[in-house]
Amino acid sequence: MKAIVYTEYGPPDVLQLKEVEKPAPKDNEVLIRIYAATVTAGDVRLRSATFPPLFWLPARIMFGLRKPKKTILGMELSGEIESVGKDVKLFKKGDQVFGTTTGLSSGSYAKYICLPEKPLSTGMFGANAVALKPTNMTYEEAAAVPIGGLTALHFLRKGDIQSEQKVLVYGASGSVGTFAVQLAKYFGAEVTGVCSTSNLEMVKSLGADKVIDYTKENFTKSGQTYDIIFDTVGKSSFSGCKRSLKKNGFYLEAVMKLSHVVRGLWSSIKVIVGGANETKEDLIFLKELIEAGKIKSVIDRRYPLEQITKAHRYVDKGHKKGNVVITVEHNNKT
């Protein structure tokens, strides 16, 4: 089968289209014919090995010191089940599914993948989840849901989001940010989205009550305070956010900064960091919201599998709107 393989860290050119052996499902696994995948910020970090200084060595030990242990990237997917192992009870051949590959030995930049019927764990690095995809989404739209949606849901719940609270989403136009805006609105919050000039209208269309152009205004100097500030991109100021949070407010950080964790220990605000747990239950929750018309995925660009290097170069720039989707195999089904 065709797959995108990388055997060394580096720029997008390390990604090579190759023929590899088609996997066979174990007794507890399903074999999925992949129709769509994505390029996430996590894929880019793994490809280039650009980890934060304090986490560089632990990350390299975990993911490969001199070369990557996992040679096929891709953290999320959608596709159709081609076959199932003898112990699989929840899925059958022909089921249309979506899910994540986090913690598995192979990713979704390939024609096929085997996923366990049930998650191997719910931990930050060992999780994976698969569920029936939303019936009202294309495969491309569904592939763009799991990582951003699960991450946004995880952090908002950790922030104990409540109806009528004031929530600010920093980086509201990214993959996690677009879902955070929609989910915060679903939970009944008043939502302010922070993004660049070109993305203001898009963030408004997702339901944001207010939008702030970070190129023209520093939200931490406005005097407005919030119950939750959710930094989805790791670019906010701790002191500024502390000033803009109510007492006992939550500062959610999808990109962990150790200095912020330490400063939070002696602060009246609550700092929440770490990776999102990936559970089938949460994936089904997102599916139901999508089918009810409450949330949707945002797709910036689409690339065929053969143009994976172009997709990575684009995501490397750090300005994608929502998600960048990879069409692994064309399929018109919804």
C-alpha atoms as a PDB file:
ATOM      1  CA  MET A   1       0.000   0.000   0.000  1.00  0.00           C
ATOM      2  CA  LYS A   2       1.032   3.647  -0.393  1.00  0.00           C
ATOM      3  CA  ALA A   3       2.153   5.528   2.699  1.00  0.00           C
ATOM      4  CA  ILE A   4       4.121   8.641   3.610  1.00  0.00           C
ATOM      5  CA  VAL A   5       7.242   7.540   5.485  1.00  0.00           C
ATOM      6  CA  TYR A   6       9.971   9.517   7.242  1.00  0.00           C
ATOM      7  CA  THR A   7      13.120   7.976   8.691  1.00  0.00           C
ATOM      8  CA  GLU A   8      14.850  11.150   9.891  1.00  0.00           C
ATOM      9  CA  TYR A   9      13.840  14.421  11.510  1.00  0.00           C
ATOM     10  CA  GLY A  10      13.893  17.561   9.446  1.00  0.00           C
ATOM     11  CA  PRO A  11      12.007  19.784   6.967  1.00  0.00           C
ATOM     12  CA  PRO A  12       8.956  18.613   4.981  1.00  0.00           C
ATOM     13  CA  ASP A  13      11.217  17.027   2.355  1.00  0.00           C
ATOM     14  CA  VAL A  14      11.993  14.148   4.757  1.00  0.00           C
ATOM     15  CA  LEU A  15       8.463  12.871   4.026  1.00  0.00           C
ATOM     16  CA  GLN A  16       8.587  10.303   1.242  1.00  0.00           C
ATOM     17  CA  LEU A  17       5.823   8.453  -0.623  1.00  0.00           C
ATOM     18  CA  LYS A  18       6.610   4.732  -0.497  1.00  0.00           C
ATOM     19  CA  GLU A  19       5.086   1.295  -0.860  1.00  0.00           C
ATOM     20  CA  VAL A  20       4.800  -0.508   2.487  1.00  0.00           C
ATOM     21  CA  GLU A  21       3.164  -3.701   3.632  1.00  0.00           C
ATOM     22  CA  LYS A  22      -0.586  -3.518   4.168  1.00  0.00           C
ATOM     23  CA  PRO A  23      -1.385  -4.195   7.846  1.00  0.00           C
ATOM     24  CA  ALA A  24      -3.559  -7.088   9.010  1.00  0.00           C
ATOM     25  CA  PRO A  25      -5.896  -6.600  11.995  1.00  0.00           C
ATOM     26  CA  LYS A  26      -5.282  -8.436  15.250  1.00  0.00           C
ATOM     27  CA  ASP A  27      -8.183 -10.095  17.041  1.00  0.00           C
ATOM     28  CA  ASN A  28      -9.132  -6.844  18.809  1.00  0.00           C
ATOM     29  CA  GLU A  29      -8.538  -4.502  15.856  1.00  0.00           C
ATOM     30  CA  VAL A  30     -10.371  -3.079  12.860  1.00  0.00           C
ATOM     31  CA  LEU A  31      -8.723  -2.524   9.466  1.00  0.00           C
ATOM     32  CA  ILE A  32      -9.662   0.905   8.138  1.00  0.00           C
ATOM     33  CA  ARG A  33      -9.389   2.044   4.542  1.00  0.00           C
ATOM     34  CA  ILE A  34      -8.408   5.683   5.049  1.00  0.00           C
ATOM     35  CA  TYR A  35     -10.122   8.321   2.942  1.00  0.00           C
ATOM     36  CA  ALA A  36      -8.898  11.458   4.735  1.00  0.00           C
ATOM     37  CA  ALA A  37      -6.314  12.572   7.289  1.00  0.00           C
ATOM     38  CA  THR A  38      -4.939  15.937   8.445  1.00  0.00           C
ATOM     39  CA  VAL A  39      -1.718  17.818   9.115  1.00  0.00           C
ATOM     40  CA  THR A  40      -1.788  18.980  12.737  1.00  0.00           C
ATOM     41  CA  ALA A  41       0.689  21.145  14.623  1.00  0.00           C
ATOM     42  CA  GLY A  42       1.642  17.948  16.462  1.00  0.00           C
ATOM     43  CA  ASP A  43       2.582  16.247  13.179  1.00  0.00           C
ATOM     44  CA  VAL A  44       4.818  19.179  12.320  1.00  0.00           C
ATOM     45  CA  ARG A  45       6.543  19.081  15.719  1.00  0.00           C
ATOM     46  CA  LEU A  46       7.165  15.337  15.454  1.00  0.00           C
ATOM     47  CA  ARG A  47       8.498  15.618  11.919  1.00  0.00           C
ATOM     48  CA  SER A  48      10.909  18.428  12.759  1.00  0.00           C
ATOM     49  CA  ALA A  49      11.612  17.412  16.389  1.00  0.00           C
ATOM     50  CA  THR A  50      11.049  21.010  17.467  1.00  0.00           C
ATOM     51  CA  PHE A  51      10.190  20.354  21.092  1.00  0.00           C
ATOM     52  CA  PRO A  52      10.378  22.974  23.898  1.00  0.00           C
ATOM     53  CA  PRO A  53      13.898  23.113  25.432  1.00  0.00           C
ATOM     54  CA  LEU A  54      12.900  21.643  28.807  1.00  0.00           C
ATOM     55  CA  PHE A  55      11.042  18.783  27.125  1.00  0.00           C
ATOM     56  CA  TRP A  56      13.477  18.175  24.263  1.00  0.00           C
ATOM     57  CA  LEU A  57      15.319  15.225  25.803  1.00  0.00           C
ATOM     58  CA  PRO A  58      12.256  13.451  27.267  1.00  0.00           C
ATOM     59  CA  ALA A  59      10.440  13.891  23.959  1.00  0.00           C
ATOM     60  CA  ARG A  60      13.358  12.533  21.946  1.00  0.00           C
ATOM     61  CA  ILE A  61      13.622   9.532  24.259  1.00  0.00           C
ATOM     62  CA  MET A  62       9.891   8.908  23.845  1.00  0.00           C
ATOM     63  CA  PHE A  63       9.614   9.496  20.096  1.00  0.00           C
ATOM     64  CA  GLY A  64      13.121   8.516  18.967  1.00  0.00           C
ATOM     65  CA  LEU A  65      16.491   9.898  20.032  1.00  0.00           C
ATOM     66  CA  ARG A  66      18.337   9.844  16.706  1.00  0.00           C
ATOM     67  CA  LYS A  67      15.523   8.972  14.333  1.00  0.00           C
ATOM     68  CA  PRO A  68      11.745   8.629  14.676  1.00  0.00           C
ATOM     69  CA  LYS A  69      10.339   5.425  16.148  1.00  0.00           C
ATOM     70  CA  LYS A  70       6.997   6.034  14.445  1.00  0.00           C
ATOM     71  CA  THR A  71       7.817   6.366  10.753  1.00  0.00           C
ATOM     72  CA  ILE A  72       4.279   7.119   9.510  1.00  0.00           C
ATOM     73  CA  LEU A  73       2.777  10.347  10.852  1.00  0.00           C
ATOM     74  CA  GLY A  74      -0.883  11.397  11.007  1.00  0.00           C
ATOM     75  CA  MET A  75      -2.898  11.835  14.216  1.00  0.00           C
ATOM     76  CA  GLU A  76      -6.487  11.743  12.959  1.00  0.00           C
ATOM     77  CA  LEU A  77      -8.449  10.091  10.171  1.00  0.00           C
ATOM     78  CA  SER A  78     -11.738   9.065   8.668  1.00  0.00           C
ATOM     79  CA  GLY A  79     -12.481   6.077   6.504  1.00  0.00           C
ATOM     80  CA  GLU A  80     -14.352   2.820   6.091  1.00  0.00           C
ATOM     81  CA  ILE A  81     -13.839  -0.444   7.931  1.00  0.00           C
ATOM     82  CA  GLU A  82     -12.644  -3.111   5.509  1.00  0.00           C
ATOM     83  CA  SER A  83     -12.379  -6.002   7.983  1.00  0.00           C
ATOM     84  CA  VAL A  84     -12.520  -6.741  11.710  1.00  0.00           C
ATOM     85  CA  GLY A  85     -10.688  -9.086  14.081  1.00  0.00           C
ATOM     86  CA  LYS A  86     -12.575 -12.041  15.534  1.00  0.00           C
ATOM     87  CA  ASP A  87     -13.015 -10.417  18.971  1.00  0.00           C
ATOM     88  CA  VAL A  88     -14.412  -7.105  17.666  1.00  0.00           C
ATOM     89  CA  LYS A  89     -18.015  -6.553  18.773  1.00  0.00           C
ATOM     90  CA  LEU A  90     -18.747  -2.853  18.231  1.00  0.00           C
ATOM     91  CA  PHE A  91     -17.905  -2.445  14.541  1.00  0.00           C
ATOM     92  CA  LYS A  92     -18.519  -4.320  11.304  1.00  0.00           C
ATOM     93  CA  LYS A  93     -17.269  -4.250   7.734  1.00  0.00           C
ATOM     94  CA  GLY A  94     -18.536  -1.179   5.873  1.00  0.00           C
ATOM     95  CA  ASP A  95     -18.876   1.079   8.943  1.00  0.00           C
ATOM     96  CA  GLN A  96     -17.869   4.683   8.260  1.00  0.00           C
ATOM     97  CA  VAL A  97     -15.617   5.817  11.112  1.00  0.00           C
ATOM     98  CA  PHE A  98     -13.348   8.601  12.350  1.00  0.00           C
ATOM     99  CA  GLY A  99     -10.782   8.716  15.114  1.00  0.00           C
ATOM    100  CA  THR A 100      -7.253   9.248  16.360  1.00  0.00           C
ATOM    101  CA  THR A 101      -3.975   7.329  16.183  1.00  0.00           C
ATOM    102  CA  THR A 102      -2.203   8.913  19.156  1.00  0.00           C
ATOM    103  CA  GLY A 103       0.058   6.444  20.928  1.00  0.00           C
ATOM    104  CA  LEU A 104      -0.113   3.829  18.157  1.00  0.00           C
ATOM    105  CA  SER A 105       2.916   2.584  16.231  1.00  0.00           C
ATOM    106  CA  SER A 106       1.642   3.930  12.916  1.00  0.00           C
ATOM    107  CA  GLY A 107      -0.251   7.025  11.791  1.00  0.00           C
ATOM    108  CA  SER A 108      -2.846   7.960   9.196  1.00  0.00           C
ATOM    109  CA  TYR A 109      -0.653   9.050   6.268  1.00  0.00           C
ATOM    110  CA  ALA A 110      -1.369   5.731   4.570  1.00  0.00           C
ATOM    111  CA  LYS A 111      -4.026   3.862   2.594  1.00  0.00           C
ATOM    112  CA  TYR A 112      -4.812   1.542   5.513  1.00  0.00           C
ATOM    113  CA  ILE A 113      -4.392   1.385   9.275  1.00  0.00           C
ATOM    114  CA  CYS A 114      -5.346  -1.005  12.067  1.00  0.00           C
ATOM    115  CA  LEU A 115      -6.919   0.499  15.175  1.00  0.00           C
ATOM    116  CA  PRO A 116      -7.901  -1.240  18.421  1.00  0.00           C
ATOM    117  CA  GLU A 117     -11.653  -1.456  18.867  1.00  0.00           C
ATOM    118  CA  LYS A 118     -11.236   0.043  22.329  1.00  0.00           C
ATOM    119  CA  PRO A 119      -8.612   2.641  23.338  1.00  0.00           C
ATOM    120  CA  LEU A 120      -5.325   1.211  24.584  1.00  0.00           C
ATOM    121  CA  SER A 121      -5.440   3.848  27.332  1.00  0.00           C
ATOM    122  CA  THR A 122      -6.789   7.322  27.974  1.00  0.00           C
ATOM    123  CA  GLY A 123      -3.412   8.845  28.738  1.00  0.00           C
ATOM    124  CA  MET A 124      -1.820  11.810  27.040  1.00  0.00           C
ATOM    125  CA  PHE A 125       0.496   9.770  24.817  1.00  0.00           C
ATOM    126  CA  GLY A 126      -1.062   6.325  24.797  1.00  0.00           C
ATOM    127  CA  ALA A 127      -4.622   7.086  23.801  1.00  0.00           C
ATOM    128  CA  ASN A 128      -6.542   6.433  20.639  1.00  0.00           C
ATOM    129  CA  ALA A 129     -10.246   6.532  19.895  1.00  0.00           C
ATOM    130  CA  VAL A 130     -12.489   5.419  17.023  1.00  0.00           C
ATOM    131  CA  ALA A 131     -16.232   5.864  16.537  1.00  0.00           C
ATOM    132  CA  LEU A 132     -18.843   5.962  13.801  1.00  0.00           C
ATOM    133  CA  LYS A 133     -18.396   9.219  11.921  1.00  0.00           C
ATOM    134  CA  PRO A 134     -21.091  11.923  11.857  1.00  0.00           C
ATOM    135  CA  THR A 135     -23.708  11.074   9.253  1.00  0.00           C
ATOM    136  CA  ASN A 136     -23.917  14.662   8.003  1.00  0.00           C
ATOM    137  CA  MET A 137     -20.194  15.103   7.282  1.00  0.00           C
ATOM    138  CA  THR A 138     -17.955  14.152   4.399  1.00  0.00           C
ATOM    139  CA  TYR A 139     -14.863  12.095   5.184  1.00  0.00           C
ATOM    140  CA  GLU A 140     -12.715  15.229   4.823  1.00  0.00           C
ATOM    141  CA  GLU A 141     -14.871  17.171   7.282  1.00  0.00           C
ATOM    142  CA  ALA A 142     -14.906  14.278   9.760  1.00  0.00           C
ATOM    143  CA  ALA A 143     -11.132  13.775   9.675  1.00  0.00           C
ATOM    144  CA  ALA A 144     -10.730  17.377  10.854  1.00  0.00           C
ATOM    145  CA  VAL A 145     -12.728  16.842  14.065  1.00  0.00           C
ATOM    146  CA  PRO A 146     -10.986  14.487  16.555  1.00  0.00           C
ATOM    147  CA  ILE A 147      -7.776  16.215  17.697  1.00  0.00           C
ATOM    148  CA  GLY A 148      -9.035  19.801  17.736  1.00  0.00           C
ATOM    149  CA  GLY A 149     -12.463  18.856  19.041  1.00  0.00           C
ATOM    150  CA  LEU A 150     -11.278  16.521  21.781  1.00  0.00           C
ATOM    151  CA  THR A 151      -8.592  18.981  22.917  1.00  0.00           C
ATOM    152  CA  ALA A 152     -11.030  21.884  23.125  1.00  0.00           C
ATOM    153  CA  LEU A 153     -13.602  19.779  24.968  1.00  0.00           C
ATOM    154  CA  HIS A 154     -11.012  18.463  27.427  1.00  0.00           C
ATOM    155  CA  PHE A 155      -9.736  21.903  28.432  1.00  0.00           C
ATOM    156  CA  LEU A 156     -13.129  23.589  28.680  1.00  0.00           C
ATOM    157  CA  ARG A 157     -14.321  20.832  30.994  1.00  0.00           C
ATOM    158  CA  LYS A 158     -11.130  21.163  33.062  1.00  0.00           C
ATOM    159  CA  GLY A 159     -11.958  24.863  33.306  1.00  0.00           C
ATOM    160  CA  ASP A 160     -15.373  23.953  34.738  1.00  0.00           C
ATOM    161  CA  ILE A 161     -17.131  25.999  32.077  1.00  0.00           C
ATOM    162  CA  GLN A 162     -20.592  27.224  33.093  1.00  0.00           C
ATOM    163  CA  SER A 163     -23.452  28.971  31.368  1.00  0.00           C
ATOM    164  CA  GLU A 164     -23.212  32.797  31.248  1.00  0.00           C
ATOM    165  CA  GLN A 165     -19.495  32.841  32.036  1.00  0.00           C
ATOM    166  CA  LYS A 166     -17.180  35.049  30.024  1.00  0.00           C
ATOM    167  CA  VAL A 167     -14.665  33.007  28.033  1.00  0.00           C
ATOM    168  CA  LEU A 168     -11.832  34.301  25.871  1.00  0.00           C
ATOM    169  CA  VAL A 169     -10.245  32.027  23.258  1.00  0.00           C
ATOM    170  CA  TYR A 170      -6.772  33.103  22.162  1.00  0.00           C
ATOM    171  CA  GLY A 171      -5.936  31.666  18.755  1.00  0.00           C
ATOM    172  CA  ALA A 172      -9.629  31.326  17.908  1.00  0.00           C
ATOM    173  CA  SER A 173      -9.035  30.620  14.210  1.00  0.00           C
ATOM    174  CA  GLY A 174      -6.880  27.495  14.625  1.00  0.00           C
ATOM    175  CA  SER A 175      -7.939  23.869  14.837  1.00  0.00           C
ATOM    176  CA  VAL A 176      -8.431  23.829  18.622  1.00  0.00           C
ATOM    177  CA  GLY A 177      -9.610  27.441  18.680  1.00  0.00           C
ATOM    178  CA  THR A 178     -12.445  27.007  16.175  1.00  0.00           C
ATOM    179  CA  PHE A 179     -13.828  24.108  18.206  1.00  0.00           C
ATOM    180  CA  ALA A 180     -13.284  25.965  21.495  1.00  0.00           C
ATOM    181  CA  VAL A 181     -15.387  28.901  20.311  1.00  0.00           C
ATOM    182  CA  GLN A 182     -18.243  26.633  19.218  1.00  0.00           C
ATOM    183  CA  LEU A 183     -18.137  24.410  22.301  1.00  0.00           C
ATOM    184  CA  ALA A 184     -17.996  27.380  24.685  1.00  0.00           C
ATOM    185  CA  LYS A 185     -21.100  28.777  22.974  1.00  0.00           C
ATOM    186  CA  TYR A 186     -22.784  25.377  23.268  1.00  0.00           C
ATOM    187  CA  PHE A 187     -22.100  25.415  27.017  1.00  0.00           C
ATOM    188  CA  GLY A 188     -23.801  28.819  27.238  1.00  0.00           C
ATOM    189  CA  ALA A 189     -20.800  31.106  27.662  1.00  0.00           C
ATOM    190  CA  GLU A 190     -20.267  34.611  26.295  1.00  0.00           C
ATOM    191  CA  VAL A 191     -17.316  34.088  23.973  1.00  0.00           C
ATOM    192  CA  THR A 192     -14.596  36.466  22.846  1.00  0.00           C
ATOM    193  CA  GLY A 193     -12.291  35.229  20.091  1.00  0.00           C
ATOM    194  CA  VAL A 194      -8.798  36.608  19.527  1.00  0.00           C
ATOM    195  CA  CYS A 195      -7.328  36.190  16.045  1.00  0.00           C
ATOM    196  CA  SER A 196      -5.758  38.092  13.142  1.00  0.00           C
ATOM    197  CA  THR A 197      -7.542  40.586  10.887  1.00  0.00           C
ATOM    198  CA  SER A 198      -8.232  38.145   8.061  1.00  0.00           C
ATOM    199  CA  ASN A 199      -9.963  35.661  10.392  1.00  0.00           C
ATOM    200  CA  LEU A 200     -12.327  37.976  12.271  1.00  0.00           C
ATOM    201  CA  GLU A 201     -15.402  37.259  10.139  1.00  0.00           C
ATOM    202  CA  MET A 202     -14.803  33.508  10.190  1.00  0.00           C
ATOM    203  CA  VAL A 203     -14.585  33.454  14.002  1.00  0.00           C
ATOM    204  CA  LYS A 204     -17.772  35.549  14.201  1.00  0.00           C
ATOM    205  CA  SER A 205     -19.507  33.033  11.951  1.00  0.00           C
ATOM    206  CA  LEU A 206     -18.667  30.279  14.472  1.00  0.00           C
ATOM    207  CA  GLY A 207     -20.694  32.097  17.121  1.00  0.00           C
ATOM    208  CA  ALA A 208     -18.212  34.361  18.898  1.00  0.00           C
ATOM    209  CA  ASP A 209     -20.020  37.242  20.605  1.00  0.00           C
ATOM    210  CA  LYS A 210     -16.988  39.486  20.292  1.00  0.00           C
ATOM    211  CA  VAL A 211     -13.766  39.307  18.274  1.00  0.00           C
ATOM    212  CA  ILE A 212     -10.454  41.043  18.937  1.00  0.00           C
ATOM    213  CA  ASP A 213      -7.783  41.611  16.296  1.00  0.00           C
ATOM    214  CA  TYR A 214      -4.529  40.889  18.145  1.00  0.00           C
ATOM    215  CA  THR A 215      -2.567  42.897  15.543  1.00  0.00           C
ATOM    216  CA  LYS A 216      -4.435  46.039  16.620  1.00  0.00           C
ATOM    217  CA  GLU A 217      -5.448  45.488  20.230  1.00  0.00           C
ATOM    218  CA  ASN A 218      -3.968  43.823  23.318  1.00  0.00           C
ATOM    219  CA  PHE A 219      -6.918  42.253  25.127  1.00  0.00           C
ATOM    220  CA  THR A 220      -5.023  42.237  28.443  1.00  0.00           C
ATOM    221  CA  LYS A 221      -5.029  46.054  28.494  1.00  0.00           C
ATOM    222  CA  SER A 222      -8.743  46.560  27.914  1.00  0.00           C
ATOM    223  CA  GLY A 223      -9.764  46.231  31.569  1.00  0.00           C
ATOM    224  CA  GLN A 224     -12.206  43.435  30.706  1.00  0.00           C
ATOM    225  CA  THR A 225     -12.040  40.333  32.905  1.00  0.00           C
ATOM    226  CA  TYR A 226     -12.971  36.750  32.102  1.00  0.00           C
ATOM    227  CA  ASP A 227     -13.848  33.549  33.938  1.00  0.00           C
ATOM    228  CA  ILE A 228     -11.745  31.496  31.507  1.00  0.00           C
ATOM    229  CA  ILE A 229      -8.897  32.390  29.172  1.00  0.00           C
ATOM    230  CA  PHE A 230      -8.064  29.528  26.814  1.00  0.00           C
ATOM    231  CA  ASP A 231      -4.744  29.979  25.006  1.00  0.00           C
ATOM    232  CA  THR A 232      -4.793  27.413  22.213  1.00  0.00           C
ATOM    233  CA  VAL A 233      -1.499  28.463  20.605  1.00  0.00           C
ATOM    234  CA  GLY A 234       0.904  29.176  23.473  1.00  0.00           C
ATOM    235  CA  LYS A 235       1.478  32.852  22.732  1.00  0.00           C
ATOM    236  CA  SER A 236      -0.205  34.696  25.584  1.00  0.00           C
ATOM    237  CA  SER A 237       1.450  36.516  28.488  1.00  0.00           C
ATOM    238  CA  PHE A 238       1.039  35.028  31.968  1.00  0.00           C
ATOM    239  CA  SER A 239       1.023  38.401  33.731  1.00  0.00           C
ATOM    240  CA  GLY A 240      -1.382  39.871  31.177  1.00  0.00           C
ATOM    241  CA  CYS A 241      -3.775  36.926  31.410  1.00  0.00           C
ATOM    242  CA  LYS A 242      -3.643  36.964  35.202  1.00  0.00           C
ATOM    243  CA  ARG A 243      -4.635  40.628  35.111  1.00  0.00           C
ATOM    244  CA  SER A 244      -7.538  39.782  32.783  1.00  0.00           C
ATOM    245  CA  LEU A 245      -8.878  36.852  34.805  1.00  0.00           C
ATOM    246  CA  LYS A 246     -11.353  37.042  37.657  1.00  0.00           C
ATOM    247  CA  LYS A 247     -10.216  35.724  41.023  1.00  0.00           C
ATOM    248  CA  ASN A 248     -10.102  31.914  40.856  1.00  0.00           C
ATOM    249  CA  GLY A 249     -10.457  32.136  37.088  1.00  0.00           C
ATOM    250  CA  PHE A 250      -9.013  29.445  34.825  1.00  0.00           C
ATOM    251  CA  TYR A 251      -6.026  29.921  32.526  1.00  0.00           C
ATOM    252  CA  LEU A 252      -6.118  27.008  30.073  1.00  0.00           C
ATOM    253  CA  GLU A 253      -2.991  26.340  28.012  1.00  0.00           C
ATOM    254  CA  ALA A 254      -3.030  23.817  25.190  1.00  0.00           C
ATOM    255  CA  VAL A 255       0.704  24.459  24.706  1.00  0.00           C
ATOM    256  CA  MET A 256       2.357  23.893  28.073  1.00  0.00           C
ATOM    257  CA  LYS A 257       4.876  26.386  29.444  1.00  0.00           C
ATOM    258  CA  LEU A 258       6.619  25.177  32.592  1.00  0.00           C
ATOM    259  CA  SER A 259       7.230  28.739  33.812  1.00  0.00           C
ATOM    260  CA  HIS A 260       3.482  29.390  33.729  1.00  0.00           C
ATOM    261  CA  VAL A 261       2.805  26.227  35.732  1.00  0.00           C
ATOM    262  CA  VAL A 262       5.293  27.322  38.403  1.00  0.00           C
ATOM    263  CA  ARG A 263       3.947  30.881  38.566  1.00  0.00           C
ATOM    264  CA  GLY A 264       0.444  29.487  38.832  1.00  0.00           C
ATOM    265  CA  LEU A 265       1.332  27.728  42.079  1.00  0.00           C
ATOM    266  CA  TRP A 266       1.532  31.104  43.826  1.00  0.00           C
ATOM    267  CA  SER A 267      -1.364  32.752  42.064  1.00  0.00           C
ATOM    268  CA  SER A 268      -5.071  33.246  42.665  1.00  0.00           C
ATOM    269  CA  ILE A 269      -5.804  31.874  39.183  1.00  0.00           C
ATOM    270  CA  LYS A 270      -5.870  28.208  38.216  1.00  0.00           C
ATOM    271  CA  VAL A 271      -3.471  27.134  35.474  1.00  0.00           C
ATOM    272  CA  ILE A 272      -4.466  24.031  33.512  1.00  0.00           C
ATOM    273  CA  VAL A 273      -1.960  22.450  31.128  1.00  0.00           C
ATOM    274  CA  GLY A 274      -1.166  19.051  29.654  1.00  0.00           C
ATOM    275  CA  GLY A 275      -2.458  16.857  26.860  1.00  0.00           C
ATOM    276  CA  ALA A 276      -6.074  15.989  26.257  1.00  0.00           C
ATOM    277  CA  ASN A 277      -7.410  12.561  27.095  1.00  0.00           C
ATOM    278  CA  GLU A 278      -8.925  10.876  24.059  1.00  0.00           C
ATOM    279  CA  THR A 279     -11.966   8.760  24.789  1.00  0.00           C
ATOM    280  CA  LYS A 280     -14.552   7.136  22.569  1.00  0.00           C
ATOM    281  CA  GLU A 281     -17.265   8.634  24.776  1.00  0.00           C
ATOM    282  CA  ASP A 282     -16.035  12.171  24.068  1.00  0.00           C
ATOM    283  CA  LEU A 283     -15.704  11.412  20.358  1.00  0.00           C
ATOM    284  CA  ILE A 284     -19.323  10.221  20.314  1.00  0.00           C
ATOM    285  CA  PHE A 285     -20.337  13.380  22.221  1.00  0.00           C
ATOM    286  CA  LEU A 286     -18.752  15.501  19.463  1.00  0.00           C
ATOM    287  CA  LYS A 287     -20.441  13.340  16.810  1.00  0.00           C
ATOM    288  CA  GLU A 288     -23.842  13.966  18.375  1.00  0.00           C
ATOM    289  CA  LEU A 289     -23.238  17.728  18.552  1.00  0.00           C
ATOM    290  CA  ILE A 290     -22.239  17.741  14.882  1.00  0.00           C
ATOM    291  CA  GLU A 291     -25.318  15.768  13.855  1.00  0.00           C
ATOM    292  CA  ALA A 292     -27.445  18.226  15.854  1.00  0.00           C
ATOM    293  CA  GLY A 293     -25.886  21.134  13.949  1.00  0.00           C
ATOM    294  CA  LYS A 294     -24.181  22.602  17.031  1.00  0.00           C
ATOM    295  CA  ILE A 295     -20.564  22.433  15.841  1.00  0.00           C
ATOM    296  CA  LYS A 296     -18.668  21.914  12.591  1.00  0.00           C
ATOM    297  CA  SER A 297     -15.099  21.582  11.400  1.00  0.00           C
ATOM    298  CA  VAL A 298     -13.303  24.386   9.569  1.00  0.00           C
ATOM    299  CA  ILE A 299     -11.120  23.388   6.617  1.00  0.00           C
ATOM    300  CA  ASP A 300      -8.516  25.795   5.306  1.00  0.00           C
ATOM    301  CA  ARG A 301      -6.895  23.752   2.530  1.00  0.00           C
ATOM    302  CA  ARG A 302      -7.010  20.250   1.062  1.00  0.00           C
ATOM    303  CA  TYR A 303      -4.083  18.358  -0.442  1.00  0.00           C
ATOM    304  CA  PRO A 304      -3.816  14.880  -1.963  1.00  0.00           C
ATOM    305  CA  LEU A 305      -1.558  12.426  -0.154  1.00  0.00           C
ATOM    306  CA  GLU A 306       1.075  12.841  -2.866  1.00  0.00           C
ATOM    307  CA  GLN A 307       1.406  16.553  -1.958  1.00  0.00           C
ATOM    308  CA  ILE A 308       2.043  15.989   1.744  1.00  0.00           C
ATOM    309  CA  THR A 309       5.242  18.060   1.669  1.00  0.00           C
ATOM    310  CA  LYS A 310       3.304  21.090   0.379  1.00  0.00           C
ATOM    311  CA  ALA A 311       0.762  20.625   3.164  1.00  0.00           C
ATOM    312  CA  HIS A 312       3.502  20.505   5.817  1.00  0.00           C
ATOM    313  CA  ARG A 313       5.196  23.589   4.388  1.00  0.00           C
ATOM    314  CA  TYR A 314       1.920  25.463   4.670  1.00  0.00           C
ATOM    315  CA  VAL A 315       1.263  24.358   8.255  1.00  0.00           C
ATOM    316  CA  ASP A 316       4.892  25.197   9.124  1.00  0.00           C
ATOM    317  CA  LYS A 317       4.045  28.868   8.532  1.00  0.00           C
ATOM    318  CA  GLY A 318       1.727  28.808  11.553  1.00  0.00           C
ATOM    319  CA  HIS A 319      -1.210  30.634   9.976  1.00  0.00           C
ATOM    320  CA  LYS A 320      -3.665  27.909   9.014  1.00  0.00           C
ATOM    321  CA  LYS A 321      -7.362  28.571   9.545  1.00  0.00           C
ATOM    322  CA  GLY A 322      -8.897  25.577  11.251  1.00  0.00           C
ATOM    323  CA  ASN A 323      -7.572  22.434   9.614  1.00  0.00           C
ATOM    324  CA  VAL A 324      -5.473  21.251   6.688  1.00  0.00           C
ATOM    325  CA  VAL A 325      -6.908  18.034   5.275  1.00  0.00           C
ATOM    326  CA  ILE A 326      -5.140  15.290   3.348  1.00  0.00           C
ATOM    327  CA  THR A 327      -7.276  13.347   0.883  1.00  0.00           C
ATOM    328  CA  VAL A 328      -5.782   9.863   1.050  1.00  0.00           C
ATOM    329  CA  GLU A 329      -8.316   8.319  -1.296  1.00  0.00           C
ATOM    330  CA  HIS A 330     -11.131  10.129  -3.031  1.00  0.00           C
ATOM    331  CA  ASN A 331     -14.598   9.135  -1.884  1.00  0.00           C
ATOM    332  CA  ASN A 332     -17.825  11.057  -2.395  1.00  0.00           C
ATOM    333  CA  LYS A 333     -19.817   9.418   0.389  1.00  0.00           C
ATOM    334  CA  THR A 334     -21.110  11.548   3.269  1.00  0.00           C
END
